[in-house]
Amino acid sequence: MALSASQLNAGDTHEEVVVDDLTRTQLVMYSGASGDYNPLHTDDLYCKEAAGYPGVFAHGMLSMGLTGKMLTNYVGDGRLKKYGVRFTNQVWPGDTLTAKATVVEVRDEDGDKVVELALETVNQDGKTVVTGSATARVDP
């Protein structure tokens, strides 16, 4: 069932756990799917000795993709007009991420009804790892 502009109000939220206990296997799978084998995401020894991190961490684009999973579950496939994020903290193996969309406004745009959303994804400690915004077409 598609979102309807008549049922949306500024301040409404939709929240979803997008990954529970992120695994290193998921990082490796994302590396393979994206072709991004940066050692920051694949090599613990490199992270510790050369880069000064405690270990590997998730690709920013994986965090964005997980946030996008919540977004498309909420607004529906093929309805996004614009989507952008900022990576604010690293995502580590073992993290559980919860993504939230908050309705900023519903308006007319180019003959369509659209919803403007503020986005935030947090880890299990409530630390923000992704912020962003999205615009999506909605039914009248």
N, C-alpha and C. Protein backbone atom coordinates (compact mmCIF):
# COMPACT_ATOMS: atom_id res chain seq x y z
N MET A 1 0.84 -1.17 0.00
CA MET A 1 0.00 0.00 0.00
C MET A 1 0.90 1.24 0.00
N ALA A 2 0.64 2.15 -0.91
CA ALA A 2 1.46 3.36 -1.06
C ALA A 2 1.08 4.41 -0.03
N LEU A 3 2.06 5.24 0.31
CA LEU A 3 1.81 6.36 1.22
C LEU A 3 0.87 7.35 0.56
N SER A 4 0.03 7.95 1.37
CA SER A 4 -0.91 8.94 0.89
C SER A 4 -0.64 10.28 1.56
N ALA A 5 -0.56 11.35 0.76
CA ALA A 5 -0.30 12.69 1.28
C ALA A 5 -1.34 13.08 2.32
N SER A 6 -2.58 12.64 2.12
CA SER A 6 -3.65 13.02 3.05
C SER A 6 -3.48 12.38 4.43
N GLN A 7 -2.63 11.35 4.53
CA GLN A 7 -2.41 10.67 5.81
C GLN A 7 -1.10 11.07 6.46
N LEU A 8 -0.33 11.96 5.83
CA LEU A 8 0.98 12.35 6.36
C LEU A 8 0.93 13.74 6.96
N ASN A 9 1.62 13.90 8.09
CA ASN A 9 1.72 15.20 8.75
C ASN A 9 3.15 15.45 9.15
N ALA A 10 3.56 16.71 9.14
CA ALA A 10 4.89 17.07 9.62
C ALA A 10 5.08 16.50 11.02
N GLY A 11 6.23 15.88 11.22
CA GLY A 11 6.55 15.28 12.51
C GLY A 11 6.28 13.79 12.59
N ASP A 12 5.48 13.24 11.66
CA ASP A 12 5.27 11.79 11.62
C ASP A 12 6.61 11.09 11.41
N THR A 13 6.77 9.92 12.02
CA THR A 13 8.02 9.18 11.86
C THR A 13 7.75 7.73 11.47
N HIS A 14 8.76 7.17 10.82
CA HIS A 14 8.79 5.73 10.52
C HIS A 14 10.19 5.27 10.90
N GLU A 15 10.26 4.19 11.68
CA GLU A 15 11.55 3.71 12.19
C GLU A 15 11.64 2.21 11.96
N GLU A 16 12.86 1.76 11.66
CA GLU A 16 13.06 0.34 11.35
C GLU A 16 14.50 -0.06 11.67
N VAL A 17 14.67 -1.23 12.28
CA VAL A 17 16.00 -1.80 12.45
C VAL A 17 16.42 -2.33 11.08
N VAL A 18 17.54 -1.81 10.55
CA VAL A 18 17.96 -2.20 9.20
C VAL A 18 19.07 -3.23 9.20
N VAL A 19 19.76 -3.38 10.32
CA VAL A 19 20.70 -4.49 10.48
C VAL A 19 20.86 -4.74 11.97
N ASP A 20 20.83 -6.03 12.32
CA ASP A 20 20.98 -6.44 13.71
C ASP A 20 22.28 -7.24 13.80
N ASP A 21 23.25 -6.69 14.54
CA ASP A 21 24.55 -7.35 14.71
C ASP A 21 25.28 -7.52 13.37
N LEU A 22 25.67 -6.40 12.77
CA LEU A 22 26.40 -6.40 11.50
C LEU A 22 27.61 -7.33 11.59
N THR A 23 27.73 -8.20 10.61
CA THR A 23 28.83 -9.17 10.64
C THR A 23 29.95 -8.79 9.68
N ARG A 24 31.11 -9.32 9.96
CA ARG A 24 32.25 -9.14 9.04
C ARG A 24 31.93 -9.78 7.70
N THR A 25 31.18 -10.87 7.71
CA THR A 25 30.78 -11.51 6.46
C THR A 25 29.98 -10.53 5.61
N GLN A 26 29.09 -9.76 6.23
CA GLN A 26 28.32 -8.76 5.48
C GLN A 26 29.24 -7.69 4.89
N LEU A 27 30.30 -7.32 5.60
CA LEU A 27 31.27 -6.36 5.05
C LEU A 27 31.96 -6.95 3.83
N VAL A 28 32.36 -8.20 3.93
CA VAL A 28 33.03 -8.86 2.81
C VAL A 28 32.07 -8.99 1.62
N MET A 29 30.82 -9.34 1.90
CA MET A 29 29.82 -9.45 0.83
C MET A 29 29.61 -8.10 0.15
N TYR A 30 29.57 -7.03 0.94
CA TYR A 30 29.40 -5.71 0.35
C TYR A 30 30.63 -5.34 -0.49
N SER A 31 31.82 -5.68 -0.01
CA SER A 31 33.03 -5.42 -0.79
C SER A 31 32.92 -6.09 -2.16
N GLY A 32 32.47 -7.34 -2.18
CA GLY A 32 32.33 -8.06 -3.43
C GLY A 32 31.28 -7.45 -4.34
N ALA A 33 30.15 -7.06 -3.75
CA ALA A 33 29.06 -6.49 -4.55
C ALA A 33 29.43 -5.13 -5.11
N SER A 34 30.19 -4.35 -4.34
CA SER A 34 30.51 -2.98 -4.76
C SER A 34 31.83 -2.89 -5.51
N GLY A 35 32.69 -3.89 -5.33
CA GLY A 35 34.03 -3.83 -5.91
C GLY A 35 34.98 -2.96 -5.11
N ASP A 36 34.56 -2.55 -3.91
CA ASP A 36 35.38 -1.69 -3.04
C ASP A 36 36.08 -2.56 -2.00
N TYR A 37 37.34 -2.87 -2.27
CA TYR A 37 38.12 -3.71 -1.36
C TYR A 37 39.13 -2.88 -0.56
N ASN A 38 38.78 -1.65 -0.26
CA ASN A 38 39.65 -0.80 0.55
C ASN A 38 40.01 -1.56 1.82
N PRO A 39 41.30 -1.60 2.19
CA PRO A 39 41.70 -2.36 3.37
C PRO A 39 41.08 -1.87 4.67
N LEU A 40 40.56 -0.65 4.71
CA LEU A 40 39.86 -0.17 5.91
C LEU A 40 38.61 -1.01 6.20
N HIS A 41 38.11 -1.68 5.17
CA HIS A 41 36.89 -2.46 5.32
C HIS A 41 37.14 -3.97 5.27
N THR A 42 38.40 -4.36 5.00
CA THR A 42 38.66 -5.78 4.75
C THR A 42 39.86 -6.35 5.52
N ASP A 43 40.74 -5.52 6.05
CA ASP A 43 42.01 -6.00 6.58
C ASP A 43 42.25 -5.46 7.99
N ASP A 44 42.01 -6.29 9.00
CA ASP A 44 42.19 -5.87 10.40
C ASP A 44 43.61 -5.41 10.69
N LEU A 45 44.59 -6.17 10.20
CA LEU A 45 45.98 -5.83 10.47
C LEU A 45 46.33 -4.45 9.92
N TYR A 46 45.91 -4.17 8.70
CA TYR A 46 46.13 -2.85 8.10
C TYR A 46 45.47 -1.76 8.96
N CYS A 47 44.24 -2.00 9.34
CA CYS A 47 43.51 -1.00 10.14
C CYS A 47 44.24 -0.68 11.43
N LYS A 48 44.73 -1.70 12.11
CA LYS A 48 45.39 -1.51 13.40
C LYS A 48 46.78 -0.92 13.26
N GLU A 49 47.59 -1.45 12.35
CA GLU A 49 48.99 -1.05 12.27
C GLU A 49 49.24 0.16 11.40
N ALA A 50 48.54 0.29 10.30
CA ALA A 50 48.81 1.38 9.37
C ALA A 50 47.86 2.56 9.53
N ALA A 51 46.63 2.29 9.94
CA ALA A 51 45.63 3.36 9.96
C ALA A 51 45.23 3.80 11.37
N GLY A 52 45.61 3.02 12.39
CA GLY A 52 45.30 3.42 13.76
C GLY A 52 43.87 3.19 14.20
N TYR A 53 43.14 2.33 13.52
CA TYR A 53 41.77 1.99 13.92
C TYR A 53 41.78 0.68 14.70
N PRO A 54 40.76 0.41 15.50
CA PRO A 54 40.72 -0.85 16.24
C PRO A 54 40.44 -2.07 15.37
N GLY A 55 39.98 -1.85 14.16
CA GLY A 55 39.68 -2.94 13.24
C GLY A 55 38.91 -2.41 12.05
N VAL A 56 38.43 -3.33 11.24
CA VAL A 56 37.69 -2.94 10.04
C VAL A 56 36.37 -2.29 10.42
N PHE A 57 35.86 -1.44 9.52
CA PHE A 57 34.55 -0.84 9.71
C PHE A 57 33.81 -0.83 8.38
N ALA A 58 32.51 -0.58 8.45
CA ALA A 58 31.65 -0.67 7.27
C ALA A 58 31.92 0.45 6.29
N HIS A 59 31.69 0.16 5.03
CA HIS A 59 31.72 1.16 3.97
C HIS A 59 30.62 2.19 4.25
N GLY A 60 30.89 3.45 4.00
CA GLY A 60 29.86 4.47 4.13
C GLY A 60 28.66 4.16 3.25
N MET A 61 28.93 3.68 2.05
CA MET A 61 27.83 3.38 1.13
C MET A 61 26.98 2.20 1.61
N LEU A 62 27.56 1.30 2.41
CA LEU A 62 26.75 0.24 3.00
C LEU A 62 25.78 0.85 4.01
N SER A 63 26.27 1.78 4.81
CA SER A 63 25.40 2.48 5.77
C SER A 63 24.29 3.23 5.04
N MET A 64 24.65 3.86 3.93
CA MET A 64 23.66 4.58 3.13
C MET A 64 22.63 3.60 2.55
N GLY A 65 23.11 2.48 2.06
CA GLY A 65 22.21 1.48 1.49
C GLY A 65 21.26 0.91 2.53
N LEU A 66 21.75 0.68 3.74
CA LEU A 66 20.88 0.17 4.80
C LEU A 66 19.83 1.20 5.18
N THR A 67 20.23 2.47 5.22
CA THR A 67 19.27 3.55 5.48
C THR A 67 18.25 3.60 4.34
N GLY A 68 18.71 3.43 3.12
CA GLY A 68 17.82 3.41 1.96
C GLY A 68 16.83 2.26 2.00
N LYS A 69 17.22 1.15 2.61
CA LYS A 69 16.30 0.01 2.77
C LYS A 69 15.07 0.44 3.56
N MET A 70 15.29 1.16 4.67
CA MET A 70 14.16 1.67 5.44
C MET A 70 13.33 2.62 4.60
N LEU A 71 14.01 3.48 3.87
CA LEU A 71 13.34 4.50 3.07
C LEU A 71 12.42 3.90 2.02
N THR A 72 12.91 2.94 1.26
CA THR A 72 12.07 2.33 0.23
C THR A 72 10.98 1.45 0.84
N ASN A 73 11.26 0.84 1.99
CA ASN A 73 10.19 0.10 2.68
C ASN A 73 9.06 1.05 3.08
N TYR A 74 9.41 2.28 3.43
CA TYR A 74 8.43 3.28 3.87
C TYR A 74 7.68 3.91 2.70
N VAL A 75 8.39 4.43 1.72
CA VAL A 75 7.73 5.18 0.63
C VAL A 75 7.36 4.31 -0.56
N GLY A 76 7.97 3.16 -0.70
CA GLY A 76 7.69 2.27 -1.82
C GLY A 76 8.74 2.35 -2.91
N ASP A 77 8.83 1.30 -3.68
CA ASP A 77 9.80 1.23 -4.78
C ASP A 77 9.45 2.24 -5.87
N GLY A 78 10.47 2.83 -6.46
CA GLY A 78 10.30 3.73 -7.60
C GLY A 78 9.69 5.08 -7.26
N ARG A 79 9.66 5.45 -6.00
CA ARG A 79 9.03 6.70 -5.61
C ARG A 79 10.03 7.77 -5.19
N LEU A 80 11.27 7.40 -4.97
CA LEU A 80 12.27 8.39 -4.56
C LEU A 80 12.61 9.34 -5.69
N LYS A 81 12.63 10.62 -5.39
CA LYS A 81 13.06 11.63 -6.35
C LYS A 81 14.46 12.13 -6.01
N LYS A 82 14.78 12.12 -4.72
CA LYS A 82 16.07 12.63 -4.27
C LYS A 82 16.41 11.94 -2.94
N TYR A 83 17.70 11.61 -2.78
CA TYR A 83 18.16 10.95 -1.56
C TYR A 83 19.62 11.29 -1.36
N GLY A 84 19.96 11.83 -0.22
CA GLY A 84 21.35 12.16 0.08
C GLY A 84 21.63 12.00 1.56
N VAL A 85 22.86 11.64 1.88
CA VAL A 85 23.23 11.44 3.28
C VAL A 85 24.60 12.03 3.58
N ARG A 86 24.86 12.11 4.86
CA ARG A 86 26.18 12.47 5.37
C ARG A 86 26.56 11.40 6.39
N PHE A 87 27.78 10.92 6.30
CA PHE A 87 28.27 9.90 7.23
C PHE A 87 28.87 10.62 8.43
N THR A 88 28.33 10.36 9.62
CA THR A 88 28.75 11.11 10.80
C THR A 88 29.62 10.31 11.76
N ASN A 89 29.53 9.00 11.71
CA ASN A 89 30.36 8.13 12.55
C ASN A 89 30.52 6.79 11.87
N GLN A 90 31.57 6.08 12.27
CA GLN A 90 31.82 4.77 11.68
C GLN A 90 30.84 3.72 12.20
N VAL A 91 30.62 2.72 11.37
CA VAL A 91 29.78 1.58 11.70
C VAL A 91 30.71 0.38 11.80
N TRP A 92 30.64 -0.31 12.93
CA TRP A 92 31.56 -1.41 13.23
C TRP A 92 30.85 -2.75 13.20
N PRO A 93 31.60 -3.83 12.93
CA PRO A 93 31.01 -5.15 13.07
C PRO A 93 30.41 -5.28 14.48
N GLY A 94 29.24 -5.88 14.54
CA GLY A 94 28.53 -6.01 15.81
C GLY A 94 27.48 -4.94 16.04
N ASP A 95 27.54 -3.86 15.27
CA ASP A 95 26.56 -2.78 15.43
C ASP A 95 25.17 -3.22 14.97
N THR A 96 24.17 -2.69 15.65
CA THR A 96 22.78 -2.79 15.23
C THR A 96 22.35 -1.38 14.87
N LEU A 97 21.80 -1.23 13.66
CA LEU A 97 21.43 0.10 13.17
C LEU A 97 19.92 0.22 13.03
N THR A 98 19.42 1.36 13.51
CA THR A 98 18.01 1.70 13.39
C THR A 98 17.91 2.99 12.59
N ALA A 99 17.16 2.95 11.50
CA ALA A 99 16.99 4.11 10.63
C ALA A 99 15.60 4.70 10.85
N LYS A 100 15.54 6.04 10.82
CA LYS A 100 14.27 6.74 11.04
C LYS A 100 14.09 7.84 10.01
N ALA A 101 12.87 7.92 9.49
CA ALA A 101 12.47 9.00 8.59
C ALA A 101 11.43 9.84 9.32
N THR A 102 11.61 11.17 9.27
CA THR A 102 10.67 12.10 9.87
C THR A 102 10.11 13.00 8.78
N VAL A 103 8.79 13.10 8.70
CA VAL A 103 8.15 13.96 7.71
C VAL A 103 8.43 15.42 8.05
N VAL A 104 9.05 16.13 7.10
CA VAL A 104 9.31 17.56 7.25
C VAL A 104 8.13 18.34 6.68
N GLU A 105 7.71 17.96 5.49
CA GLU A 105 6.55 18.60 4.87
C GLU A 105 6.01 17.73 3.74
N VAL A 106 4.76 17.97 3.41
CA VAL A 106 4.11 17.38 2.24
C VAL A 106 3.70 18.55 1.36
N ARG A 107 4.04 18.47 0.06
CA ARG A 107 3.78 19.61 -0.82
C ARG A 107 3.51 19.14 -2.24
N ASP A 108 3.06 20.09 -3.05
CA ASP A 108 2.92 19.86 -4.49
C ASP A 108 4.23 20.22 -5.16
N GLU A 109 4.66 19.39 -6.09
CA GLU A 109 5.89 19.66 -6.84
C GLU A 109 5.73 19.08 -8.24
N ASP A 110 5.76 19.95 -9.24
CA ASP A 110 5.66 19.53 -10.64
C ASP A 110 4.44 18.64 -10.90
N GLY A 111 3.33 18.98 -10.28
CA GLY A 111 2.10 18.23 -10.48
C GLY A 111 1.97 16.98 -9.65
N ASP A 112 2.96 16.67 -8.84
CA ASP A 112 2.92 15.49 -7.97
C ASP A 112 2.80 15.94 -6.52
N LYS A 113 2.30 15.07 -5.67
CA LYS A 113 2.39 15.24 -4.23
C LYS A 113 3.71 14.61 -3.82
N VAL A 114 4.49 15.32 -3.01
CA VAL A 114 5.76 14.78 -2.54
C VAL A 114 5.87 14.98 -1.03
N VAL A 115 6.65 14.11 -0.43
CA VAL A 115 6.96 14.23 0.99
C VAL A 115 8.46 14.48 1.11
N GLU A 116 8.81 15.45 1.93
CA GLU A 116 10.21 15.75 2.26
C GLU A 116 10.49 15.10 3.60
N LEU A 117 11.56 14.30 3.66
CA LEU A 117 11.89 13.53 4.86
C LEU A 117 13.27 13.88 5.39
N ALA A 118 13.39 13.97 6.70
CA ALA A 118 14.69 14.05 7.36
C ALA A 118 15.04 12.63 7.81
N LEU A 119 16.29 12.24 7.62
CA LEU A 119 16.71 10.87 7.91
C LEU A 119 17.79 10.85 8.98
N GLU A 120 17.73 9.82 9.82
CA GLU A 120 18.79 9.62 10.81
C GLU A 120 18.89 8.13 11.08
N THR A 121 20.11 7.63 11.07
CA THR A 121 20.38 6.24 11.44
C THR A 121 21.31 6.25 12.64
N VAL A 122 20.95 5.47 13.65
CA VAL A 122 21.73 5.41 14.89
C VAL A 122 22.15 3.97 15.16
N ASN A 123 23.23 3.84 15.93
CA ASN A 123 23.66 2.50 16.34
C ASN A 123 22.97 2.12 17.67
N GLN A 124 23.34 0.98 18.19
CA GLN A 124 22.70 0.45 19.39
C GLN A 124 22.93 1.34 20.62
N ASP A 125 23.91 2.22 20.56
CA ASP A 125 24.19 3.14 21.67
C ASP A 125 23.51 4.49 21.48
N GLY A 126 22.73 4.62 20.41
CA GLY A 126 22.07 5.89 20.14
C GLY A 126 22.95 6.91 19.44
N LYS A 127 24.14 6.50 19.02
CA LYS A 127 25.07 7.39 18.32
C LYS A 127 24.67 7.48 16.85
N THR A 128 24.51 8.70 16.36
CA THR A 128 24.13 8.91 14.97
C THR A 128 25.28 8.54 14.04
N VAL A 129 24.99 7.70 13.05
CA VAL A 129 26.01 7.28 12.08
C VAL A 129 25.73 7.82 10.69
N VAL A 130 24.47 8.15 10.40
CA VAL A 130 24.07 8.71 9.11
C VAL A 130 22.98 9.75 9.35
N THR A 131 23.09 10.89 8.68
CA THR A 131 21.99 11.85 8.61
C THR A 131 21.74 12.12 7.14
N GLY A 132 20.55 12.60 6.84
CA GLY A 132 20.28 12.89 5.44
C GLY A 132 18.87 13.38 5.21
N SER A 133 18.52 13.40 3.94
CA SER A 133 17.18 13.84 3.54
C SER A 133 16.78 13.09 2.29
N ALA A 134 15.47 13.09 2.07
CA ALA A 134 14.93 12.43 0.88
C ALA A 134 13.64 13.13 0.49
N THR A 135 13.35 13.05 -0.79
CA THR A 135 12.08 13.53 -1.33
C THR A 135 11.49 12.37 -2.12
N ALA A 136 10.20 12.10 -1.89
CA ALA A 136 9.55 10.98 -2.55
C ALA A 136 8.15 11.36 -3.00
N ARG A 137 7.74 10.80 -4.13
CA ARG A 137 6.36 10.97 -4.59
C ARG A 137 5.45 10.15 -3.68
N VAL A 138 4.28 10.70 -3.38
CA VAL A 138 3.27 9.99 -2.61
C VAL A 138 1.92 10.13 -3.33
N ASP A 139 1.01 9.25 -3.01
CA ASP A 139 -0.34 9.36 -3.58
C ASP A 139 -1.04 10.59 -2.97
N PRO A 140 -2.03 11.13 -3.67
CA PRO A 140 -2.75 12.30 -3.12
C PRO A 140 -3.45 12.01 -1.80
